[in-house]
Every structure is written in structure tokens, then in C-alpha cells.
Amino acid sequence: MAKQQKSVVVTGVSTGIGWGATKVLTKAGYRVFGSVRKQSDAKKLQDEFGANFVPLIFDVVDEKAVQAAAASVRQALAGQRLFGLVNNAGIAVAGPLAYMPVEEFRKQLDVNLTGVVIATQAFLPLLGIDPDLKGKPGRIVNISSVGGRNATPFLGAYNTSKFGLEGLSEALRRELMPFEIDVVVIAPGAVATAIWGKTGEAELKRYANTPYAPQLAKLQAVAAEQGRKGLSPERLGRSILTALSAAKPKVRYVVTPEPVLNFVVNRAPKRTVDRLIAGRLGLMPAKGGAR
């Protein structure tokens, strides 16, 4: 009897971590249902990854489209359970919170947090809540960030979404225990992806007339430097494979090119970290203080 192929849904696979996960998983023999927003990306990825890749066309904030995609996956599974769901799709909205348009802040949370809830609710029946399906319960992997526990100036909206995702994942993991559906978080550090490039210079121009213009320029330089040193998407793909397939996975995997720095920042007094970050970005108050 032929062995049943394991199937995984990965959101946001056109670039970056999602692309890396798709590359690693398809090469390992998994069938990946990967979400993209453009038909052109679907065609490109089909050509690249072959028969083990099945495109799903949806934006994670579009509930009807996500539900329709879940229905098509259910049909393709033919009565079997989904092996895993990787909630990866996300954006990064940069800018000082004091001046950020509220609609931009709302968009950040909508994609990175509400979108995870939409996708999770749509695919949970296939992971094991539906008792009529066959196979072992599946697993959810949520892509957070080292910024899900430590915030960076001008990335406050992004950090808020990832702090929220950490709490969502912990609550969900406990709620799903009766169904034996595990929830694992992966927290990447700097990764060589397009996410910060998409945030880039054009978006930050709206803040050129604020008091933060010099510091925002420094942030861009720091982000570019970290991107050059960042991990490859395939490296994160291998971590996602581990999180999906390990018999006893950790609840949270930190994957960063600077593990020592991440360790120190997580354990140093917050006021000390405040001063270190402020010094690097030029945010220390002028000598003499406010008058």
C-alpha cells in the first residue's frame, strides 16, 4: 500500500520565509498548498516547485477567499487530515507611533494578527477538529519574530502584531489540547527577505517633516546591515520542517544569526536595553534635558 503523502498549507509563499519553507518542504516530499495573491506568482512557483506545489489564491484578510481555499484543500485531501498549517503571511509597517496614520496601524494588525485567526479558523477542521477525517491531528506553526518579545523604535506596529501573535499562539495551543493539535512558534531574527525592502524608503518619506527624520535614516541603515547578515529563507524553511515533524517539538524556536545578542537583550534590564537602542539610533535626549 502506497504511503499517504503529507500535506501542508503555507500562507504567503511568493517570497521570503514562505518561499523558503515551500522549497524545503516540497523537496522533502510534502505536498504544499501555498497561498499567493497574484496568479502570476502562482504560475512562477508551479514552474519552480513542480507537482508537489499547489497554489491557493487569496489574501489572508479576505475571509471568503480563505474559506474557499480551505474547501478546495478539503476536496484534494479526499478524507485525510492536513498535516500542518504554517501561518507565515505578513507585512511590516514602519514609522513613529506618534505620527503613524491609524489606518496604517490597523492594516498592520489586520494582516499579521487577524489574518492568522482567519486562516486558522478556516483550516482547523482539516487539522483535526472534524472527527470524520482520517489520520493523526495536524500541527500549526506560527511565524513570529524575535521582535515578538523585544520592540524596536519605529517598528512598534510590527512589534505589536508579533507580541499579539505570541499570546494568540499560547492561548490557542492550550485550547487545542483536547484535539491534540499542537501550536509551535518560530521566532526569526534577521532574515534575507523582501519584507523590509517593501517597507523601505518611499514609505518612510511621509515622516520626513517629523522630529524623527534623522533617526529613521539610521534605522534604514541598520536594517540594511542586518539584512546583509540575515539568514537565508531556506534556513528558516528547515526550522519550519523541524517544527512540523519533530515528535516532541519545542513550543518556541528562536532562529537568529545573532543568538548571543538575542540572549543578552532578553535578559538585560529593560532600561539598559533602552539606552543601548537609543544610542544606536540617535534617540538619547539632548544634554541638559528638557527645559
Protein backbone atom coordinates (compact mmCIF):
# COMPACT_ATOMS: atom_id res chain seq x y z
CA MET A 1 0.00 0.00 0.00
CA ALA A 2 1.43 3.39 -1.03
CA LYS A 3 2.34 5.75 1.81
CA GLN A 4 -0.03 8.72 2.14
CA GLN A 5 1.66 11.98 1.11
CA LYS A 6 1.63 14.58 3.87
CA SER A 7 0.08 17.93 3.00
CA VAL A 8 0.85 21.36 4.48
CA VAL A 9 -0.74 24.76 3.92
CA VAL A 10 1.71 27.67 3.97
CA THR A 11 0.47 31.24 3.70
CA GLY A 12 2.46 33.92 1.90
CA VAL A 13 4.83 31.87 -0.25
CA SER A 14 5.71 34.25 -3.08
CA THR A 15 8.91 35.43 -1.38
CA GLY A 16 10.95 35.18 1.80
CA ILE A 17 10.29 32.68 4.56
CA GLY A 18 7.20 31.24 2.88
CA TRP A 19 9.17 30.61 -0.30
CA GLY A 20 11.97 29.02 1.73
CA ALA A 21 9.51 26.77 3.55
CA THR A 22 7.93 25.70 0.26
CA LYS A 23 11.32 24.87 -1.22
CA VAL A 24 12.38 22.75 1.77
CA LEU A 25 9.02 21.01 2.24
CA THR A 26 8.45 20.10 -1.42
CA LYS A 27 12.00 18.79 -1.66
CA ALA A 28 11.32 16.61 1.40
CA GLY A 29 8.30 15.10 -0.35
CA TYR A 30 5.49 17.10 1.22
CA ARG A 31 2.65 18.49 -0.83
CA VAL A 32 2.48 22.24 -0.17
CA PHE A 33 -0.68 24.25 -0.68
CA GLY A 34 0.84 27.71 -0.81
CA SER A 35 -1.06 30.99 -0.77
CA VAL A 36 -0.22 33.88 -3.09
CA ARG A 37 -2.21 36.95 -4.07
CA LYS A 38 -1.33 37.03 -7.77
CA GLN A 39 -1.93 34.45 -10.48
CA SER A 40 1.48 35.31 -11.96
CA ASP A 41 3.17 34.24 -8.71
CA ALA A 42 1.16 31.01 -8.71
CA LYS A 43 2.41 30.15 -12.19
CA LYS A 44 6.00 31.03 -11.37
CA LEU A 45 6.02 28.87 -8.24
CA GLN A 46 4.36 25.95 -10.01
CA ASP A 47 7.11 26.05 -12.61
CA GLU A 48 9.75 26.24 -9.87
CA PHE A 49 8.48 23.59 -7.45
CA GLY A 50 6.59 21.19 -9.69
CA ALA A 51 3.87 18.69 -8.84
CA ASN A 52 4.33 18.91 -5.06
CA PHE A 53 3.19 22.55 -5.09
CA VAL A 54 -0.47 23.55 -5.33
CA PRO A 55 -1.19 27.31 -5.41
CA LEU A 56 -4.02 28.90 -3.44
CA ILE A 57 -5.06 32.42 -4.49
CA PHE A 58 -6.11 34.52 -1.51
CA ASP A 59 -5.25 37.42 0.75
CA VAL A 60 -5.31 36.35 4.40
CA VAL A 61 -7.68 39.19 5.32
CA ASP A 62 -10.29 38.03 2.79
CA GLU A 63 -12.44 35.61 4.79
CA LYS A 64 -14.49 34.35 1.86
CA ALA A 65 -11.42 33.67 -0.28
CA VAL A 66 -9.68 31.83 2.58
CA GLN A 67 -12.76 29.71 3.24
CA ALA A 68 -13.00 28.88 -0.47
CA ALA A 69 -9.34 27.83 -0.45
CA ALA A 70 -9.95 25.62 2.58
CA ALA A 71 -12.81 23.94 0.74
CA SER A 72 -10.55 23.20 -2.23
CA VAL A 73 -7.89 21.77 0.07
CA ARG A 74 -10.50 19.58 1.77
CA GLN A 75 -11.51 18.19 -1.61
CA ALA A 76 -7.88 17.50 -2.55
CA LEU A 77 -7.25 15.72 0.77
CA ALA A 78 -10.02 13.23 -0.06
CA GLY A 79 -10.96 12.44 3.53
CA GLN A 80 -7.46 12.73 5.04
CA ARG A 81 -6.31 15.27 7.59
CA LEU A 82 -3.99 18.15 6.89
CA PHE A 83 -0.50 17.57 8.31
CA GLY A 84 0.22 21.21 9.05
CA LEU A 85 -0.67 24.88 8.71
CA VAL A 86 2.13 27.45 8.58
CA ASN A 87 0.84 30.97 9.25
CA ASN A 88 3.59 32.96 7.58
CA ALA A 89 1.95 35.73 5.54
CA GLY A 90 2.76 39.14 6.93
CA ILE A 91 3.79 42.72 6.32
CA ALA A 92 5.94 45.26 8.15
CA VAL A 93 4.64 48.80 8.59
CA ALA A 94 7.37 51.15 9.79
CA GLY A 95 7.15 54.62 11.29
CA PRO A 96 6.96 56.52 14.58
CA LEU A 97 3.80 55.69 16.51
CA ALA A 98 3.26 59.35 17.37
CA TYR A 99 2.74 60.19 13.69
CA MET A 100 1.61 56.93 12.08
CA PRO A 101 -1.82 57.14 10.40
CA VAL A 102 -4.23 54.97 12.34
CA GLU A 103 -5.29 53.18 9.15
CA GLU A 104 -1.68 52.02 8.68
CA PHE A 105 -1.53 50.70 12.24
CA ARG A 106 -4.86 48.95 11.72
CA LYS A 107 -3.63 47.41 8.44
CA GLN A 108 -0.58 46.01 10.24
CA LEU A 109 -2.70 44.24 12.84
CA ASP A 110 -5.27 43.14 10.29
CA VAL A 111 -2.73 41.27 8.15
CA ASN A 112 -0.35 39.96 10.80
CA LEU A 113 -2.83 39.08 13.52
CA THR A 114 -6.43 38.96 12.31
CA GLY A 115 -5.25 37.20 9.14
CA VAL A 116 -3.78 34.43 11.29
CA VAL A 117 -7.12 33.95 13.04
CA ILE A 118 -8.96 33.86 9.68
CA ALA A 119 -6.61 31.23 8.22
CA THR A 120 -6.51 29.19 11.43
CA GLN A 121 -10.30 29.03 11.73
CA ALA A 122 -10.63 28.05 8.08
CA PHE A 123 -8.15 25.16 8.21
CA LEU A 124 -8.67 23.89 11.78
CA PRO A 125 -11.38 21.37 10.76
CA LEU A 126 -8.88 19.80 8.36
CA LEU A 127 -6.19 19.67 11.05
CA GLY A 128 -8.28 17.54 13.38
CA ILE A 129 -11.40 19.23 14.70
CA ASP A 130 -13.55 17.47 12.09
CA PRO A 131 -13.93 13.92 13.51
CA ASP A 132 -14.91 12.46 10.15
CA LEU A 133 -11.46 12.90 8.61
CA LYS A 134 -8.77 10.21 8.85
CA GLY A 135 -5.21 10.44 10.11
CA LYS A 136 -3.33 11.96 13.00
CA PRO A 137 -4.10 15.50 14.16
CA GLY A 138 -2.07 18.16 12.36
CA ARG A 139 0.09 20.95 13.71
CA ILE A 140 0.09 24.75 13.45
CA VAL A 141 3.33 26.72 13.07
CA ASN A 142 3.05 30.47 13.57
CA ILE A 143 5.87 32.68 12.28
CA SER A 144 6.54 35.34 14.87
CA SER A 145 9.83 37.21 15.31
CA VAL A 146 12.49 37.96 17.89
CA GLY A 147 10.56 41.25 17.76
CA GLY A 148 7.66 39.39 19.34
CA ARG A 149 9.34 39.81 22.71
CA ASN A 150 11.54 42.88 22.21
CA ALA A 151 10.44 46.03 20.43
CA THR A 152 12.44 48.33 18.17
CA PRO A 153 11.73 52.05 17.77
CA PHE A 154 9.75 52.82 14.59
CA LEU A 155 8.71 49.18 14.24
CA GLY A 156 6.15 49.48 17.01
CA ALA A 157 3.19 48.50 14.85
CA TYR A 158 5.02 45.40 13.61
CA ASN A 159 6.16 44.54 17.14
CA THR A 160 2.60 44.93 18.42
CA SER A 161 1.39 42.41 15.86
CA LYS A 162 4.10 39.91 16.80
CA PHE A 163 3.67 40.38 20.57
CA GLY A 164 -0.01 39.68 19.94
CA LEU A 165 0.79 36.61 17.86
CA GLU A 166 2.83 35.18 20.73
CA GLY A 167 -0.16 35.49 23.08
CA LEU A 168 -2.57 34.17 20.49
CA SER A 169 -0.34 31.15 19.91
CA GLU A 170 -0.08 30.35 23.61
CA ALA A 171 -3.83 30.56 24.17
CA LEU A 172 -4.56 28.56 21.03
CA ARG A 173 -2.07 25.84 21.96
CA ARG A 174 -3.90 25.31 25.24
CA GLU A 175 -7.37 25.49 23.71
CA LEU A 176 -6.49 22.85 21.12
CA MET A 177 -5.08 20.32 23.58
CA PRO A 178 -8.32 18.26 23.58
CA PHE A 179 -7.90 17.79 19.82
CA GLU A 180 -4.14 17.03 20.09
CA ILE A 181 -3.41 19.84 17.60
CA ASP A 182 -0.13 21.41 18.67
CA VAL A 183 0.84 25.06 18.10
CA VAL A 184 4.51 25.95 17.66
CA VAL A 185 6.04 29.41 17.30
CA ILE A 186 9.12 30.19 15.23
CA ALA A 187 10.80 33.49 16.06
CA PRO A 188 13.27 34.50 13.34
CA GLY A 189 15.89 37.17 13.73
CA ALA A 190 17.23 38.95 10.67
CA VAL A 191 16.34 37.05 7.50
CA ALA A 192 17.34 37.91 3.95
CA THR A 193 13.74 38.56 2.81
CA ALA A 194 11.95 41.29 0.91
CA ILE A 195 9.75 42.29 3.87
CA TRP A 196 11.90 45.25 4.96
CA GLY A 197 12.61 46.26 1.39
CA LYS A 198 8.86 46.52 0.87
CA THR A 199 8.70 48.81 3.90
CA GLY A 200 11.59 50.94 2.59
CA GLU A 201 12.41 54.44 1.75
CA ALA A 202 9.21 55.53 -0.02
CA GLU A 203 7.01 54.62 2.95
CA LEU A 204 9.21 56.50 5.42
CA LYS A 205 9.21 59.70 3.36
CA ARG A 206 5.87 60.62 4.90
CA TYR A 207 7.75 61.19 8.16
CA ALA A 208 10.47 63.43 6.67
CA ASN A 209 8.98 66.52 8.32
CA THR A 210 8.73 64.98 11.78
CA PRO A 211 11.36 65.28 14.51
CA TYR A 212 12.32 61.65 13.82
CA ALA A 213 13.71 62.07 10.29
CA PRO A 214 17.41 61.62 11.26
CA GLN A 215 16.67 58.57 13.41
CA LEU A 216 14.58 56.95 10.67
CA ALA A 217 17.53 57.28 8.30
CA LYS A 218 19.67 55.46 10.87
CA LEU A 219 17.04 52.73 11.19
CA GLN A 220 17.15 52.15 7.44
CA ALA A 221 20.94 51.79 7.58
CA VAL A 222 20.74 49.34 10.48
CA ALA A 223 18.03 47.31 8.71
CA ALA A 224 20.12 47.14 5.53
CA GLU A 225 23.12 45.96 7.52
CA GLN A 226 21.10 43.27 9.29
CA GLY A 227 19.59 42.14 6.00
CA ARG A 228 23.05 41.54 4.55
CA LYS A 229 23.88 39.33 7.55
CA GLY A 230 20.45 37.69 7.63
CA LEU A 231 19.71 34.00 7.47
CA SER A 232 18.58 32.51 4.19
CA PRO A 233 14.87 31.72 3.72
CA GLU A 234 15.87 28.07 3.26
CA ARG A 235 17.41 28.10 6.76
CA LEU A 236 14.04 29.14 8.15
CA GLY A 237 12.41 26.54 5.93
CA ARG A 238 14.43 23.82 7.64
CA SER A 239 13.32 25.12 11.05
CA ILE A 240 9.71 25.04 9.90
CA LEU A 241 10.16 21.42 8.78
CA THR A 242 11.53 20.59 12.24
CA ALA A 243 8.63 22.34 13.97
CA LEU A 244 6.14 20.41 11.83
CA SER A 245 7.75 16.98 12.04
CA ALA A 246 9.54 16.69 15.41
CA ALA A 247 7.97 14.06 17.67
CA LYS A 248 8.25 16.40 20.66
CA PRO A 249 8.68 19.95 19.33
CA LYS A 250 9.56 22.93 21.46
CA VAL A 251 6.78 25.47 21.93
CA ARG A 252 9.05 28.21 20.50
CA TYR A 253 12.12 28.12 18.26
CA VAL A 254 14.35 31.19 18.06
CA VAL A 255 16.30 31.22 14.79
CA THR A 256 18.67 34.16 14.53
CA PRO A 257 22.15 34.91 13.15
CA GLU A 258 22.90 36.70 16.44
CA PRO A 259 21.89 34.25 19.19
CA VAL A 260 24.25 35.77 21.79
CA LEU A 261 22.89 39.28 21.23
CA ASN A 262 19.33 37.98 21.39
CA PHE A 263 20.14 36.17 24.67
CA VAL A 264 21.62 39.34 26.20
CA VAL A 265 18.79 41.62 25.08
CA ASN A 266 16.20 39.23 26.52
CA ARG A 267 17.87 39.13 29.90
CA ALA A 268 19.40 42.58 30.40
CA PRO A 269 17.43 45.18 32.42
CA LYS A 270 14.94 46.95 30.15
CA ARG A 271 16.34 50.42 30.95
CA THR A 272 19.78 49.24 29.88
CA VAL A 273 18.40 47.93 26.60
CA ASP A 274 16.51 51.21 26.14
CA ARG A 275 19.76 53.15 26.34
CA LEU A 276 21.63 50.77 24.03
CA ILE A 277 18.99 51.01 21.33
CA ALA A 278 18.52 54.75 21.78
CA GLY A 279 22.26 55.29 21.47
CA ARG A 280 22.45 53.30 18.25
CA LEU A 281 19.56 55.15 16.63
CA GLY A 282 20.29 58.62 17.98
CA LEU A 283 17.30 58.74 20.33
CA MET A 284 19.05 59.83 23.52
CA PRO A 285 17.81 63.19 24.84
CA ALA A 286 19.98 66.22 24.24
CA LYS A 287 22.46 67.02 27.02
CA GLY A 288 20.90 69.23 29.60
CA GLY A 289 17.50 67.62 29.15
CA ALA A 290 14.16 69.26 28.52
CA ARG A 291 13.59 72.81 29.74
